[in-house]
Protein backbone atom coordinates (compact mmCIF):
# COMPACT_ATOMS: atom_id res chain seq x y z
CA UNK A 1 -5.05 48.99 26.41
CA UNK A 2 -7.84 46.81 25.21
CA UNK A 3 -9.52 45.07 27.81
CA UNK A 4 -12.09 42.73 29.03
CA UNK A 5 -13.20 42.94 32.79
CA UNK A 6 -12.62 39.28 33.82
CA UNK A 7 -12.58 37.86 37.14
CA UNK A 8 -14.73 34.88 36.61
CA UNK A 9 -12.66 33.17 34.44
CA UNK A 10 -12.25 33.03 30.89
CA UNK A 11 -14.70 30.42 30.07
CA UNK A 12 -17.40 31.68 32.20
CA UNK A 13 -17.14 35.39 30.67
CA UNK A 14 -17.62 34.11 27.13
CA UNK A 15 -20.15 32.23 27.92
CA UNK A 16 -22.03 34.81 29.76
CA UNK A 17 -21.53 37.11 26.83
CA UNK A 18 -22.84 34.89 24.22
CA UNK A 19 -25.62 33.50 26.47
CA UNK A 20 -27.20 36.95 26.16
CA UNK A 21 -27.71 36.39 22.50
CA UNK A 22 -29.53 33.39 22.93
CA UNK A 23 -27.39 30.93 20.92
CA UNK A 24 -28.80 27.96 19.28
CA UNK A 25 -26.10 25.33 18.53
CA UNK A 26 -26.25 23.61 15.14
CA UNK A 27 -26.88 27.11 13.57
CA UNK A 28 -24.58 30.03 12.78
CA UNK A 29 -24.46 32.99 15.00
CA UNK A 30 -26.59 35.92 13.97
CA UNK A 31 -25.12 39.41 13.62
CA UNK A 32 -25.58 41.92 16.62
CA UNK A 33 -26.05 45.69 16.82
CA UNK A 34 -22.55 47.18 17.00
CA UNK A 35 -21.75 49.04 19.82
CA UNK A 36 -19.70 52.53 20.13
CA UNK A 37 -15.79 52.08 20.44
CA UNK A 38 -13.37 54.59 20.60
CA UNK A 39 -10.02 52.71 21.80
CA UNK A 40 -8.28 53.25 17.75
CA UNK A 41 -10.19 56.30 16.83
CA UNK A 42 -9.87 56.39 12.95
CA UNK A 43 -8.62 52.92 12.61
CA UNK A 44 -10.32 49.61 12.37
CA UNK A 45 -9.32 46.14 12.39
CA UNK A 46 -9.74 43.86 9.57
CA UNK A 47 -9.32 40.07 9.89
CA UNK A 48 -6.85 39.09 6.50
CA UNK A 49 -6.34 35.69 5.47
CA UNK A 50 -3.02 35.02 3.26
CA UNK A 51 -3.71 32.95 0.48
CA UNK A 52 -0.18 31.30 -0.31
CA UNK A 53 1.51 29.12 -2.84
CA UNK A 54 1.55 25.33 -2.38
CA UNK A 55 3.62 22.75 -3.84
CA UNK A 56 1.34 21.01 -6.52
CA UNK A 57 2.57 17.46 -5.31
CA UNK A 58 1.52 18.21 -1.88
CA UNK A 59 -1.80 20.22 -2.21
CA UNK A 60 -3.86 22.88 -4.14
CA UNK A 61 -2.35 26.05 -5.37
CA UNK A 62 -3.65 29.32 -5.32
CA UNK A 63 -7.14 30.39 -6.46
CA UNK A 64 -8.37 26.39 -5.63
CA UNK A 65 -9.06 26.52 -2.07
CA UNK A 66 -6.04 25.01 -0.79
CA UNK A 67 -4.67 24.58 2.79
CA UNK A 68 -4.86 28.25 3.10
CA UNK A 69 -8.62 28.29 3.01
CA UNK A 70 -9.00 25.91 5.85
CA UNK A 71 -11.95 26.96 8.01
CA UNK A 72 -12.83 29.74 5.50
CA UNK A 73 -15.01 32.06 5.85
CA UNK A 74 -16.75 31.11 9.28
CA UNK A 75 -13.65 31.31 11.27
CA UNK A 76 -12.76 34.82 10.03
CA UNK A 77 -16.37 35.95 10.30
CA UNK A 78 -16.86 34.40 13.66
CA UNK A 79 -13.84 35.33 15.11
CA UNK A 80 -14.55 39.03 13.85
CA UNK A 81 -17.75 39.15 15.76
CA UNK A 82 -16.13 37.86 18.99
CA UNK A 83 -13.44 40.30 18.88
CA UNK A 84 -15.78 43.12 18.83
CA UNK A 85 -17.88 41.81 21.64
CA UNK A 86 -15.11 40.93 24.11
CA UNK A 87 -12.82 43.83 23.46
CA UNK A 88 -12.78 47.61 22.61
CA UNK A 89 -11.10 47.02 19.20
CA UNK A 90 -13.16 48.67 16.48
CA UNK A 91 -13.77 46.01 14.05
CA UNK A 92 -14.48 46.75 10.34
CA UNK A 93 -17.91 46.14 9.28
CA UNK A 94 -20.14 47.09 6.24
CA UNK A 95 -22.78 49.47 5.99
CA UNK A 96 -25.17 46.47 6.87
CA UNK A 97 -23.46 45.40 9.70
CA UNK A 98 -21.41 42.29 8.49
CA UNK A 99 -18.00 42.01 9.63
CA UNK A 100 -15.68 42.64 6.83
CA UNK A 101 -12.58 40.03 6.28
CA UNK A 102 -10.08 40.06 3.41
CA UNK A 103 -7.72 37.57 1.50
CA UNK A 104 -4.21 38.97 0.41
CA UNK A 105 -1.58 37.60 -1.70
CA UNK A 106 1.95 37.96 -0.05
CA UNK A 107 3.24 39.50 -3.47
CA UNK A 108 0.62 42.30 -3.82
CA UNK A 109 0.80 45.72 -2.43
CA UNK A 110 -2.67 45.21 -0.66
CA UNK A 111 -1.08 43.05 2.12
CA UNK A 112 0.51 46.26 3.33
CA UNK A 113 -2.72 47.77 4.20
CA UNK A 114 -3.25 45.22 6.96
CA UNK A 115 -1.35 45.17 10.41
CA UNK A 116 -2.33 41.61 11.20
CA UNK A 117 -2.38 38.55 8.64
CA UNK A 118 -3.64 34.88 9.52
CA UNK A 119 -1.86 32.03 7.62
CA UNK A 120 -3.13 28.28 8.60
CA UNK A 121 -2.42 24.66 7.31
CA UNK A 122 1.12 25.11 6.03
CA UNK A 123 1.92 21.51 5.31
CA UNK A 124 2.06 22.23 1.64
CA UNK A 125 3.10 25.90 1.56
CA UNK A 126 5.88 26.62 -1.12
CA UNK A 127 6.24 30.45 -1.29
CA UNK A 128 7.31 32.03 -4.68
CA UNK A 129 10.57 34.35 -4.67
CA UNK A 130 7.95 37.04 -4.97
CA UNK A 131 5.92 35.64 -2.12
CA UNK A 132 9.08 35.56 0.14
CA UNK A 133 10.09 39.17 -0.63
CA UNK A 134 6.64 40.61 0.13
CA UNK A 135 6.46 38.68 3.19
CA UNK A 136 9.65 39.76 4.57
CA UNK A 137 9.23 43.34 3.64
CA UNK A 138 5.66 43.23 5.42
CA UNK A 139 7.37 41.89 8.61
CA UNK A 140 10.28 44.21 8.79
CA UNK A 141 7.90 47.18 7.93
CA UNK A 142 6.09 46.53 11.00
CA UNK A 143 3.37 43.46 10.15
CA UNK A 144 2.19 40.88 12.26
CA UNK A 145 1.85 37.08 11.25
CA UNK A 146 -0.20 34.45 12.87
CA UNK A 147 0.42 30.62 11.81
CA UNK A 148 -2.36 28.40 13.01
CA UNK A 149 -3.65 24.69 12.48
CA UNK A 150 -0.38 22.90 11.31
CA UNK A 151 0.25 19.49 13.30
CA UNK A 152 3.04 16.94 13.34
CA UNK A 153 6.74 16.81 12.16
CA UNK A 154 6.27 17.32 8.41
CA UNK A 155 4.06 20.03 8.87
CA UNK A 156 6.58 21.70 11.37
CA UNK A 157 9.87 21.11 9.28
CA UNK A 158 8.23 22.24 6.26
CA UNK A 159 7.00 25.66 8.29
CA UNK A 160 10.62 26.21 9.43
CA UNK A 161 12.13 25.86 6.03
CA UNK A 162 9.88 28.32 4.49
CA UNK A 163 9.91 30.76 7.20
CA UNK A 164 13.82 30.42 6.87
CA UNK A 165 13.60 31.62 3.19
CA UNK A 166 11.82 34.70 4.17
CA UNK A 167 13.87 35.58 7.51
CA UNK A 168 17.23 34.02 7.76
CA UNK A 169 17.35 32.29 11.09
CA UNK A 170 20.77 33.76 12.12
CA UNK A 171 19.38 37.08 12.18
CA UNK A 172 15.62 36.43 12.76
CA UNK A 173 15.67 32.82 15.04
CA UNK A 174 12.48 31.24 15.95
CA UNK A 175 12.45 30.87 19.37
CA UNK A 176 9.79 29.69 22.16
CA UNK A 177 7.24 32.53 23.47
CA UNK A 178 7.75 31.69 27.26
CA UNK A 179 4.19 31.81 29.28
CA UNK A 180 5.26 35.06 31.34
CA UNK A 181 5.27 36.78 28.01
CA UNK A 182 2.77 39.54 27.46
CA UNK A 183 1.04 37.53 24.68
CA UNK A 184 -0.60 34.92 27.06
CA UNK A 185 -1.65 37.98 29.49
CA UNK A 186 -2.59 40.97 27.31
CA UNK A 187 -6.53 40.61 27.83
CA UNK A 188 -6.89 36.80 29.25
CA UNK A 189 -4.57 35.46 31.76
CA UNK A 190 -3.76 32.07 30.02
CA UNK A 191 -1.31 29.66 32.03
CA UNK A 192 -0.54 27.21 29.14
CA UNK A 193 -0.54 26.94 25.30
CA UNK A 194 -4.21 26.00 24.29
CA UNK A 195 -4.07 22.81 22.60
CA UNK A 196 -7.62 22.75 20.41
CA UNK A 197 -8.22 19.89 18.62
CA UNK A 198 -10.25 19.88 14.90
CA UNK A 199 -13.87 19.28 15.43
CA UNK A 200 -13.63 16.12 13.81
CA UNK A 201 -11.45 14.57 16.50
CA UNK A 202 -13.86 15.70 18.96
CA UNK A 203 -16.45 13.62 17.39
CA UNK A 204 -14.27 10.72 17.03
CA UNK A 205 -12.75 10.36 20.63
CA UNK A 206 -15.96 11.68 22.18
CA UNK A 207 -14.71 14.98 23.67
CA UNK A 208 -11.53 13.69 24.76
CA UNK A 209 -8.20 15.79 24.35
CA UNK A 210 -6.86 13.77 21.45
CA UNK A 211 -6.31 15.21 17.94
CA UNK A 212 -7.52 13.68 14.68
CA UNK A 213 -4.25 14.99 13.34
CA UNK A 214 -2.33 12.37 15.45
CA UNK A 215 -2.15 10.28 12.40
CA UNK A 216 0.92 12.42 11.18
CA UNK A 217 3.92 11.63 12.70
CA UNK A 218 5.26 13.28 15.97
CA UNK A 219 8.33 11.46 16.35
CA UNK A 220 10.58 14.33 16.71
CA UNK A 221 8.72 17.21 18.10
CA UNK A 222 5.83 15.52 20.18
CA UNK A 223 2.18 15.96 20.67
CA UNK A 224 1.90 19.24 22.66
CA UNK A 225 0.97 22.45 21.55
CA UNK A 226 3.52 24.91 21.40
CA UNK A 227 4.12 28.61 20.73
CA UNK A 228 7.03 29.77 18.82
CA UNK A 229 7.73 33.52 17.65
CA UNK A 230 10.22 35.82 15.84
CA UNK A 231 11.40 39.21 17.08
CA UNK A 232 12.58 42.04 14.72
CA UNK A 233 16.03 43.84 15.72
CA UNK A 234 14.08 46.03 17.99
CA UNK A 235 12.57 43.19 20.07
CA UNK A 236 9.10 43.36 18.59
CA UNK A 237 7.10 40.04 18.24
CA UNK A 238 6.36 40.10 14.90
CA UNK A 239 5.58 36.52 13.81
CA UNK A 240 3.64 33.90 16.21
CA UNK A 241 3.45 30.30 15.21
CA UNK A 242 1.15 27.89 17.29
CA UNK A 243 2.20 24.19 16.32
CA UNK A 244 -0.36 21.33 17.48
CA UNK A 245 -3.57 23.31 17.61
CA UNK A 246 -6.36 24.39 15.73
CA UNK A 247 -7.67 27.82 16.81
CA UNK A 248 -9.55 28.32 13.69
CA UNK A 249 -11.85 25.19 13.97
CA UNK A 250 -12.66 26.47 17.69
CA UNK A 251 -13.74 29.74 15.80
CA UNK A 252 -15.43 28.27 12.69
CA UNK A 253 -17.12 25.31 14.81
CA UNK A 254 -18.21 27.30 17.72
CA UNK A 255 -22.12 26.82 17.26
CA UNK A 256 -22.06 23.46 16.13
CA UNK A 257 -21.82 21.65 19.25
CA UNK A 258 -22.00 23.09 22.85
CA UNK A 259 -19.64 20.80 24.60
CA UNK A 260 -16.85 21.37 22.07
CA UNK A 261 -17.90 25.20 22.46
CA UNK A 262 -17.41 24.92 26.09
CA UNK A 263 -14.25 23.02 26.30
CA UNK A 264 -12.45 24.60 23.37
CA UNK A 265 -13.67 27.57 22.03
CA UNK A 266 -14.78 29.21 24.85
CA UNK A 267 -11.78 28.72 27.23
CA UNK A 268 -9.11 27.98 24.58
CA UNK A 269 -9.32 29.12 20.86
CA UNK A 270 -10.92 32.66 21.32
CA UNK A 271 -8.96 33.89 24.27
CA UNK A 272 -5.67 32.79 22.79
CA UNK A 273 -6.69 34.33 19.45
CA UNK A 274 -8.00 37.53 21.12
CA UNK A 275 -4.74 38.04 23.11
CA UNK A 276 -2.85 37.66 19.79
CA UNK A 277 -4.86 40.41 17.79
CA UNK A 278 -4.60 42.68 20.87
CA UNK A 279 -1.07 42.24 21.57
CA UNK A 280 -0.38 42.72 17.78
CA UNK A 281 -2.49 45.80 17.12
CA UNK A 282 -0.93 47.36 20.39
CA UNK A 283 2.68 46.93 19.88
């Protein structure tokens, strides 16, 4: 089991860990010397982001930095660094110490090299038949998908429609993940689904817990953060979708503003992300 000794609270643990590095806000995090790790001998974790097709009427398509690339690459790099510091996971690095992160397409064989994939901002996502087939095969063969940073009714309905074309809801229903599930306790004990606003919202509302994305309609599904999952026939959690939160901004913008880091990155974005990855890698 991948563990973090934490008796002082989530935010304090992260703050103490990060303060050791002498962080200066407004600048990117520097790399640190990797430690010896042996929790998964011969295996490493690589942060893997999905580049998906987009309806041209609603957003940019493959290869043009569409919604799939939101918060890229800083979120991927910063999260990999923090995962290596806070857990004993062996996080993939280059020979010069940089953390590796990759982009994959759902219709390519390379997808099956990575047990965890990340997808974000799925408001305009429109999967091709080949992408649907690839994602379905990936998930049913043991892969894990995290979906992040999509807000409001329209984004939710588009996500539900797209995933239903991948996994028929009568066989693989999308269900709420309860707070007593191991996803919320495997490393950090969390008592809520964390809502992390985008940093633009933080600046606009002076740190209040109000999302910039409130401009989109919330008439049908509410404004709270919600965690949904899809399980396979053996009861394995294979998809986690967190609606009305932006973990990626909490990772990407960690060094931009200390109050944003203190309120959202340390106590919410990193603990939730770390819990999800560790759960995916150990189940």
